């Protein structure tokens, strides 16, 4: 599997990167401020990161595998793809319960 990271900036351009990952759970499109996401990732020394997200409008949790004592919570931003959801909208019927979010493991050897 793969995690697909997309970026688009007016007057600058677009980019897309496929990141090898072990993905569990339902398909999810979620937007983040790239600087906020990168700040959390840069603070981690682990090659593999557990990324937990359950909804396009709730914060995601990043946890370095094998690096104890560090968790990073990053809030999503609304995008055109997430605009159809609202904080009052239910999750899709096939979505896991909030206590069992999907997992993404990335890094070498995944």
N, C-alpha and C. Protein backbone atom coordinates (compact mmCIF):
# COMPACT_ATOMS: atom_id res chain seq x y z
N UNK A 1 0.82 -1.18 0.00
CA UNK A 1 0.00 0.00 0.00
C UNK A 1 0.86 1.25 0.00
N UNK A 2 0.17 2.36 -0.05
CA UNK A 2 0.87 3.65 -0.08
C UNK A 2 0.00 4.74 0.51
N UNK A 3 0.67 5.72 1.04
CA UNK A 3 0.06 6.96 1.48
C UNK A 3 0.36 7.96 0.39
N UNK A 4 -0.65 8.64 -0.12
CA UNK A 4 -0.43 9.61 -1.19
C UNK A 4 -0.50 11.01 -0.60
N UNK A 5 0.61 11.73 -0.71
CA UNK A 5 0.69 13.11 -0.22
C UNK A 5 0.60 14.04 -1.42
N UNK A 6 -0.38 14.95 -1.37
CA UNK A 6 -0.55 15.92 -2.45
C UNK A 6 -0.42 17.32 -1.90
N UNK A 7 0.13 18.19 -2.73
CA UNK A 7 0.28 19.59 -2.35
C UNK A 7 -0.10 20.45 -3.53
N UNK A 8 -0.81 21.53 -3.25
CA UNK A 8 -1.18 22.48 -4.30
C UNK A 8 -1.12 23.88 -3.72
N UNK A 9 -0.39 24.75 -4.40
CA UNK A 9 -0.26 26.13 -3.96
C UNK A 9 -0.53 27.03 -5.17
N UNK A 10 -1.48 27.96 -5.03
CA UNK A 10 -1.76 28.86 -6.14
C UNK A 10 -0.49 29.60 -6.58
N UNK A 11 -0.33 29.76 -7.85
CA UNK A 11 0.81 30.47 -8.46
C UNK A 11 2.15 29.76 -8.29
N UNK A 12 2.16 28.58 -7.65
CA UNK A 12 3.40 27.84 -7.47
C UNK A 12 3.33 26.50 -8.20
N UNK A 13 2.28 25.76 -7.95
CA UNK A 13 2.12 24.48 -8.63
C UNK A 13 1.58 23.40 -7.73
N UNK A 14 1.65 22.18 -8.26
CA UNK A 14 1.13 21.02 -7.55
C UNK A 14 2.21 19.95 -7.49
N UNK A 15 2.08 19.09 -6.50
CA UNK A 15 3.00 17.96 -6.39
C UNK A 15 2.28 16.78 -5.78
N UNK A 16 2.81 15.60 -6.04
CA UNK A 16 2.25 14.38 -5.46
C UNK A 16 3.38 13.41 -5.19
N UNK A 17 3.33 12.77 -4.04
CA UNK A 17 4.35 11.81 -3.64
C UNK A 17 3.66 10.57 -3.08
N UNK A 18 4.08 9.40 -3.53
CA UNK A 18 3.58 8.14 -2.99
C UNK A 18 4.59 7.65 -1.95
N UNK A 19 4.11 7.43 -0.74
CA UNK A 19 4.96 7.01 0.36
C UNK A 19 4.60 5.56 0.71
N UNK A 20 5.54 4.63 0.61
CA UNK A 20 5.24 3.24 0.95
C UNK A 20 4.68 3.16 2.38
N UNK A 21 3.59 2.43 2.55
CA UNK A 21 2.95 2.36 3.85
C UNK A 21 2.14 1.08 3.98
N UNK A 22 1.96 0.67 5.21
CA UNK A 22 1.03 -0.40 5.53
C UNK A 22 -0.23 0.31 6.00
N UNK A 23 -1.31 0.17 5.26
CA UNK A 23 -2.53 0.92 5.54
C UNK A 23 -3.61 -0.03 6.04
N UNK A 24 -4.27 0.35 7.14
CA UNK A 24 -5.39 -0.41 7.68
C UNK A 24 -6.55 0.54 7.86
N UNK A 25 -7.76 0.07 7.62
CA UNK A 25 -8.95 0.90 7.82
C UNK A 25 -9.51 1.40 6.51
N UNK A 26 -10.44 2.32 6.61
CA UNK A 26 -11.14 2.84 5.44
C UNK A 26 -10.33 3.94 4.73
N UNK A 27 -10.69 4.19 3.48
CA UNK A 27 -10.06 5.26 2.70
C UNK A 27 -10.37 6.60 3.37
N UNK A 28 -9.40 7.47 3.45
CA UNK A 28 -9.59 8.75 4.12
C UNK A 28 -8.85 9.84 3.37
N UNK A 29 -9.54 10.92 3.08
CA UNK A 29 -8.91 12.11 2.51
C UNK A 29 -8.93 13.17 3.59
N UNK A 30 -7.75 13.67 3.95
CA UNK A 30 -7.63 14.62 5.04
C UNK A 30 -6.55 15.64 4.70
N UNK A 31 -6.77 16.89 5.04
CA UNK A 31 -5.81 17.94 4.74
C UNK A 31 -5.11 18.44 5.99
N UNK A 32 -3.81 18.76 5.83
CA UNK A 32 -3.02 19.31 6.93
C UNK A 32 -2.21 20.48 6.43
N UNK A 33 -1.89 21.39 7.32
CA UNK A 33 -0.91 22.42 7.02
C UNK A 33 0.43 21.69 6.97
N UNK A 34 1.10 21.74 5.84
CA UNK A 34 2.32 20.94 5.68
C UNK A 34 3.40 21.31 6.69
N UNK A 35 3.49 22.55 7.06
CA UNK A 35 4.52 22.94 8.04
C UNK A 35 4.25 22.32 9.40
N UNK A 36 2.98 22.28 9.79
CA UNK A 36 2.63 21.68 11.09
C UNK A 36 2.91 20.18 11.08
N UNK A 37 2.58 19.52 9.99
CA UNK A 37 2.83 18.08 9.87
C UNK A 37 4.33 17.79 9.86
N UNK A 38 5.08 18.54 9.10
CA UNK A 38 6.53 18.33 9.02
C UNK A 38 7.23 18.63 10.34
N UNK A 39 6.74 19.62 11.10
CA UNK A 39 7.33 19.92 12.41
C UNK A 39 7.30 18.68 13.30
N UNK A 40 6.16 18.00 13.32
CA UNK A 40 6.03 16.79 14.13
C UNK A 40 6.93 15.68 13.64
N UNK A 41 6.98 15.48 12.33
CA UNK A 41 7.81 14.41 11.77
C UNK A 41 9.31 14.68 11.97
N UNK A 42 9.71 15.92 11.85
CA UNK A 42 11.13 16.26 12.03
C UNK A 42 11.62 16.04 13.46
N UNK A 43 10.70 16.11 14.41
CA UNK A 43 11.08 15.93 15.81
C UNK A 43 11.25 14.45 16.17
N UNK A 44 10.92 13.57 15.24
CA UNK A 44 11.00 12.13 15.49
C UNK A 44 12.28 11.57 14.90
N UNK A 45 12.92 10.67 15.65
CA UNK A 45 14.13 10.04 15.14
C UNK A 45 13.85 8.66 14.54
N UNK A 46 12.65 8.16 14.71
CA UNK A 46 12.29 6.83 14.21
C UNK A 46 12.10 6.85 12.69
N UNK A 47 12.44 5.74 12.04
CA UNK A 47 12.23 5.62 10.60
C UNK A 47 10.79 5.27 10.27
N UNK A 48 10.07 4.69 11.23
CA UNK A 48 8.69 4.28 11.02
C UNK A 48 7.79 5.06 11.97
N UNK A 49 6.68 5.56 11.42
CA UNK A 49 5.76 6.38 12.20
C UNK A 49 4.36 5.79 12.10
N UNK A 50 3.70 5.69 13.24
CA UNK A 50 2.31 5.28 13.29
C UNK A 50 1.47 6.54 13.14
N UNK A 51 0.60 6.55 12.15
CA UNK A 51 -0.24 7.72 11.85
C UNK A 51 -1.68 7.29 12.05
N UNK A 52 -2.36 7.88 13.01
CA UNK A 52 -3.76 7.51 13.30
C UNK A 52 -4.67 8.68 12.96
N UNK A 53 -5.67 8.39 12.14
CA UNK A 53 -6.67 9.39 11.78
C UNK A 53 -8.00 8.68 11.61
N UNK A 54 -9.07 9.28 12.11
CA UNK A 54 -10.37 8.63 12.00
C UNK A 54 -11.39 9.43 11.21
N UNK A 55 -11.10 10.71 10.95
CA UNK A 55 -12.06 11.56 10.26
C UNK A 55 -11.32 12.75 9.64
N UNK A 56 -11.84 13.30 8.54
CA UNK A 56 -11.20 14.46 7.93
C UNK A 56 -11.24 15.72 8.79
N UNK A 57 -12.06 15.71 9.84
CA UNK A 57 -12.23 16.91 10.64
C UNK A 57 -11.78 16.76 12.09
N UNK A 58 -11.13 15.65 12.41
CA UNK A 58 -10.62 15.48 13.77
C UNK A 58 -9.09 15.36 13.73
N UNK A 59 -8.42 15.75 14.79
CA UNK A 59 -6.95 15.71 14.80
C UNK A 59 -6.41 14.30 14.56
N UNK A 60 -5.24 14.23 13.99
CA UNK A 60 -4.54 12.96 13.76
C UNK A 60 -3.39 12.86 14.76
N UNK A 61 -3.00 11.64 15.05
CA UNK A 61 -1.93 11.38 16.01
C UNK A 61 -0.76 10.72 15.30
N UNK A 62 0.42 11.26 15.49
CA UNK A 62 1.64 10.67 14.95
C UNK A 62 2.44 10.14 16.13
N UNK A 63 2.90 8.89 16.00
CA UNK A 63 3.67 8.27 17.08
C UNK A 63 4.85 7.53 16.46
N UNK A 64 6.07 7.89 16.83
CA UNK A 64 7.24 7.19 16.29
C UNK A 64 7.33 5.78 16.88
N UNK A 65 7.51 4.79 16.01
CA UNK A 65 7.62 3.41 16.47
C UNK A 65 9.01 3.22 17.06
N UNK A 66 9.06 2.75 18.31
CA UNK A 66 10.33 2.51 18.98
C UNK A 66 10.90 3.72 19.69
N UNK A 67 10.25 4.86 19.61
CA UNK A 67 10.71 6.07 20.30
C UNK A 67 9.67 6.40 21.37
N UNK A 68 9.96 6.05 22.60
CA UNK A 68 9.02 6.22 23.69
C UNK A 68 8.89 7.68 24.13
N UNK A 69 7.71 8.04 24.62
CA UNK A 69 7.51 9.34 25.23
C UNK A 69 7.24 10.49 24.28
N UNK A 70 6.96 10.22 23.02
CA UNK A 70 6.68 11.31 22.10
C UNK A 70 5.42 11.00 21.29
N UNK A 71 4.45 11.89 21.37
CA UNK A 71 3.24 11.83 20.56
C UNK A 71 3.05 13.21 19.97
N UNK A 72 2.55 13.28 18.75
CA UNK A 72 2.33 14.58 18.11
C UNK A 72 0.90 14.61 17.59
N UNK A 73 0.15 15.57 18.00
CA UNK A 73 -1.23 15.75 17.57
C UNK A 73 -1.26 16.88 16.56
N UNK A 74 -1.84 16.63 15.40
CA UNK A 74 -1.90 17.66 14.36
C UNK A 74 -3.35 17.81 13.91
N UNK A 75 -3.81 19.06 13.89
CA UNK A 75 -5.19 19.34 13.50
C UNK A 75 -5.30 19.43 11.98
N UNK A 76 -6.40 18.92 11.44
CA UNK A 76 -6.60 19.00 9.99
C UNK A 76 -7.08 20.39 9.59
N UNK A 77 -6.98 20.67 8.30
CA UNK A 77 -7.54 21.90 7.74
C UNK A 77 -8.61 21.50 6.74
N UNK A 78 -9.58 22.35 6.59
CA UNK A 78 -10.64 22.07 5.61
C UNK A 78 -10.11 22.28 4.21
N UNK A 79 -10.45 21.36 3.33
CA UNK A 79 -10.10 21.45 1.93
C UNK A 79 -11.37 21.24 1.12
N UNK A 80 -11.29 21.41 -0.18
CA UNK A 80 -12.45 21.15 -1.03
C UNK A 80 -12.90 19.70 -0.88
N UNK A 81 -11.95 18.79 -0.72
CA UNK A 81 -12.28 17.38 -0.58
C UNK A 81 -12.96 17.06 0.75
N UNK A 82 -12.70 17.85 1.79
CA UNK A 82 -13.31 17.58 3.09
C UNK A 82 -14.49 18.49 3.38
N UNK A 83 -14.79 19.42 2.49
CA UNK A 83 -15.86 20.39 2.72
C UNK A 83 -17.22 19.73 2.87
N UNK A 84 -17.42 18.57 2.25
CA UNK A 84 -18.71 17.90 2.34
C UNK A 84 -18.98 17.35 3.74
N UNK A 85 -17.94 17.18 4.54
CA UNK A 85 -18.09 16.71 5.91
C UNK A 85 -18.29 17.91 6.83
N UNK A 86 -18.98 17.70 7.90
CA UNK A 86 -19.06 18.74 8.93
C UNK A 86 -18.84 18.06 10.26
N UNK A 87 -18.59 18.83 11.29
CA UNK A 87 -18.33 18.24 12.60
C UNK A 87 -19.56 17.51 13.13
N UNK A 88 -20.73 17.76 12.53
CA UNK A 88 -21.95 17.10 12.98
C UNK A 88 -22.33 15.94 12.08
N UNK A 89 -21.61 15.76 10.98
CA UNK A 89 -21.94 14.69 10.05
C UNK A 89 -21.42 13.36 10.58
N UNK A 90 -22.20 12.30 10.43
CA UNK A 90 -21.72 10.99 10.87
C UNK A 90 -20.63 10.48 9.94
N UNK A 91 -19.81 9.58 10.46
CA UNK A 91 -18.80 8.93 9.63
C UNK A 91 -19.50 7.98 8.67
N UNK A 92 -18.85 7.62 7.56
CA UNK A 92 -19.44 6.65 6.65
C UNK A 92 -19.74 5.34 7.38
N UNK A 93 -20.73 4.57 6.90
CA UNK A 93 -21.11 3.33 7.60
C UNK A 93 -19.97 2.34 7.76
N UNK A 94 -19.00 2.33 6.85
CA UNK A 94 -17.90 1.38 6.95
C UNK A 94 -16.71 1.92 7.75
N UNK A 95 -16.85 3.12 8.31
CA UNK A 95 -15.75 3.73 9.07
C UNK A 95 -15.58 3.01 10.41
N UNK A 96 -14.35 2.86 10.87
CA UNK A 96 -14.14 2.24 12.18
C UNK A 96 -14.56 3.20 13.28
N UNK A 97 -14.82 2.66 14.44
CA UNK A 97 -15.18 3.49 15.58
C UNK A 97 -14.00 4.38 15.93
N UNK A 98 -14.24 5.58 16.50
CA UNK A 98 -13.13 6.49 16.83
C UNK A 98 -12.06 5.87 17.71
N UNK A 99 -12.40 4.86 18.49
CA UNK A 99 -11.39 4.26 19.36
C UNK A 99 -10.52 3.25 18.61
N UNK A 100 -10.84 2.96 17.35
CA UNK A 100 -10.01 2.04 16.58
C UNK A 100 -9.71 2.65 15.21
N UNK A 101 -8.93 3.75 15.18
CA UNK A 101 -8.66 4.44 13.92
C UNK A 101 -7.78 3.61 13.00
N UNK A 102 -7.81 3.96 11.69
CA UNK A 102 -6.92 3.26 10.77
C UNK A 102 -5.47 3.55 11.10
N UNK A 103 -4.57 2.66 10.69
CA UNK A 103 -3.15 2.81 10.97
C UNK A 103 -2.38 2.91 9.66
N UNK A 104 -1.40 3.75 9.65
CA UNK A 104 -0.49 3.84 8.51
C UNK A 104 0.92 3.74 9.07
N UNK A 105 1.66 2.77 8.60
CA UNK A 105 3.06 2.63 9.00
C UNK A 105 3.91 2.92 7.77
N UNK A 106 4.81 3.86 7.87
CA UNK A 106 5.65 4.20 6.74
C UNK A 106 7.11 4.07 7.11
N UNK A 107 7.95 4.18 6.14
CA UNK A 107 9.38 4.10 6.40
C UNK A 107 9.98 2.91 5.70
N UNK A 108 11.25 2.75 5.87
CA UNK A 108 11.95 1.65 5.20
C UNK A 108 11.57 0.32 5.84
N UNK A 109 11.44 -0.67 5.00
CA UNK A 109 11.13 -2.00 5.48
C UNK A 109 9.65 -2.26 5.68
N UNK A 110 8.77 -1.31 5.35
CA UNK A 110 7.34 -1.53 5.50
C UNK A 110 6.76 -2.11 4.25
